[in-house]
């Protein structure tokens, strides 16, 4: 029996919701919990979180350098 693909219909919306949950509930940041809540694969969750954190880091470095 084939498993149903867990590809979200609107990936940008899901990414935003995952990041909101990630920062709103820091004590519940296990991939398994996020996976159960949003019904997406842990691989996709890791990608969403890492991309968002990289973007935040770049933005903070850019702000620091622009003040010099």
C-alpha atoms as a PDB file:
ATOM      1  CA  UNK A   1       0.000   0.000   0.000  1.00  0.00           C
ATOM      2  CA  UNK A   2       1.391   3.351  -1.016  1.00  0.00           C
ATOM      3  CA  UNK A   3       1.628   6.102   1.526  1.00  0.00           C
ATOM      4  CA  UNK A   4      -0.006   9.403   0.783  1.00  0.00           C
ATOM      5  CA  UNK A   5       2.434  12.148  -0.165  1.00  0.00           C
ATOM      6  CA  UNK A   6       2.576  14.873   2.427  1.00  0.00           C
ATOM      7  CA  UNK A   7       3.164  17.819   0.126  1.00  0.00           C
ATOM      8  CA  UNK A   8       1.419  20.989   1.290  1.00  0.00           C
ATOM      9  CA  UNK A   9      -0.838  22.856  -1.115  1.00  0.00           C
ATOM     10  CA  UNK A  10       0.598  26.228  -0.110  1.00  0.00           C
ATOM     11  CA  UNK A  11       4.228  25.733   0.993  1.00  0.00           C
ATOM     12  CA  UNK A  12       4.851  29.399   1.871  1.00  0.00           C
ATOM     13  CA  UNK A  13       1.878  29.462   4.219  1.00  0.00           C
ATOM     14  CA  UNK A  14       2.946  26.200   5.870  1.00  0.00           C
ATOM     15  CA  UNK A  15       6.503  27.524   6.247  1.00  0.00           C
ATOM     16  CA  UNK A  16       5.196  30.643   7.960  1.00  0.00           C
ATOM     17  CA  UNK A  17       2.996  28.600  10.294  1.00  0.00           C
ATOM     18  CA  UNK A  18       5.846  26.215  11.152  1.00  0.00           C
ATOM     19  CA  UNK A  19       8.162  29.106  12.029  1.00  0.00           C
ATOM     20  CA  UNK A  20       5.478  30.793  14.139  1.00  0.00           C
ATOM     21  CA  UNK A  21       4.966  27.540  16.042  1.00  0.00           C
ATOM     22  CA  UNK A  22       8.728  26.998  16.323  1.00  0.00           C
ATOM     23  CA  UNK A  23       9.260  30.349  18.060  1.00  0.00           C
ATOM     24  CA  UNK A  24       5.968  30.449  19.965  1.00  0.00           C
ATOM     25  CA  UNK A  25       6.497  27.083  21.695  1.00  0.00           C
ATOM     26  CA  UNK A  26      10.251  26.659  22.243  1.00  0.00           C
ATOM     27  CA  UNK A  27       9.700  23.763  24.657  1.00  0.00           C
ATOM     28  CA  UNK A  28       7.867  21.766  21.953  1.00  0.00           C
ATOM     29  CA  UNK A  29      10.369  22.049  19.138  1.00  0.00           C
ATOM     30  CA  UNK A  30      10.838  18.381  18.355  1.00  0.00           C
ATOM     31  CA  UNK A  31      10.442  17.466  14.710  1.00  0.00           C
ATOM     32  CA  UNK A  32       8.049  14.689  15.642  1.00  0.00           C
ATOM     33  CA  UNK A  33       5.614  17.095  17.320  1.00  0.00           C
ATOM     34  CA  UNK A  34       5.756  19.599  14.460  1.00  0.00           C
ATOM     35  CA  UNK A  35       5.382  16.750  11.976  1.00  0.00           C
ATOM     36  CA  UNK A  36       2.206  15.519  13.687  1.00  0.00           C
ATOM     37  CA  UNK A  37       0.680  18.985  13.950  1.00  0.00           C
ATOM     38  CA  UNK A  38       1.277  20.107  10.350  1.00  0.00           C
ATOM     39  CA  UNK A  39       1.349  16.670   8.668  1.00  0.00           C
ATOM     40  CA  UNK A  40       4.546  17.319   6.715  1.00  0.00           C
ATOM     41  CA  UNK A  41       7.752  15.330   6.569  1.00  0.00           C
ATOM     42  CA  UNK A  42      10.613  15.980   9.006  1.00  0.00           C
ATOM     43  CA  UNK A  43      12.904  16.620   6.048  1.00  0.00           C
ATOM     44  CA  UNK A  44      10.687  19.484   4.897  1.00  0.00           C
ATOM     45  CA  UNK A  45      10.511  20.857   8.458  1.00  0.00           C
ATOM     46  CA  UNK A  46      14.321  20.847   8.753  1.00  0.00           C
ATOM     47  CA  UNK A  47      14.610  22.650   5.424  1.00  0.00           C
ATOM     48  CA  UNK A  48      12.036  25.286   6.423  1.00  0.00           C
ATOM     49  CA  UNK A  49      13.712  25.957   9.764  1.00  0.00           C
ATOM     50  CA  UNK A  50      17.277  26.032   8.424  1.00  0.00           C
ATOM     51  CA  UNK A  51      16.372  28.319   5.498  1.00  0.00           C
ATOM     52  CA  UNK A  52      14.539  30.715   7.791  1.00  0.00           C
ATOM     53  CA  UNK A  53      17.349  30.823  10.352  1.00  0.00           C
ATOM     54  CA  UNK A  54      19.940  31.432   7.596  1.00  0.00           C
ATOM     55  CA  UNK A  55      17.842  34.312   6.301  1.00  0.00           C
ATOM     56  CA  UNK A  56      17.549  35.807   9.793  1.00  0.00           C
ATOM     57  CA  UNK A  57      21.317  35.537  10.275  1.00  0.00           C
ATOM     58  CA  UNK A  58      22.024  37.252   6.951  1.00  0.00           C
ATOM     59  CA  UNK A  59      19.592  40.030   7.802  1.00  0.00           C
ATOM     60  CA  UNK A  60      21.191  40.613  11.202  1.00  0.00           C
ATOM     61  CA  UNK A  61      24.708  40.681   9.711  1.00  0.00           C
ATOM     62  CA  UNK A  62      23.557  43.070   6.994  1.00  0.00           C
ATOM     63  CA  UNK A  63      22.058  45.409   9.590  1.00  0.00           C
ATOM     64  CA  UNK A  64      25.221  45.380  11.653  1.00  0.00           C
ATOM     65  CA  UNK A  65      27.415  46.114   8.647  1.00  0.00           C
ATOM     66  CA  UNK A  66      25.148  48.914   7.410  1.00  0.00           C
ATOM     67  CA  UNK A  67      25.537  50.765  10.731  1.00  0.00           C
ATOM     68  CA  UNK A  68      29.316  50.983  10.402  1.00  0.00           C
END
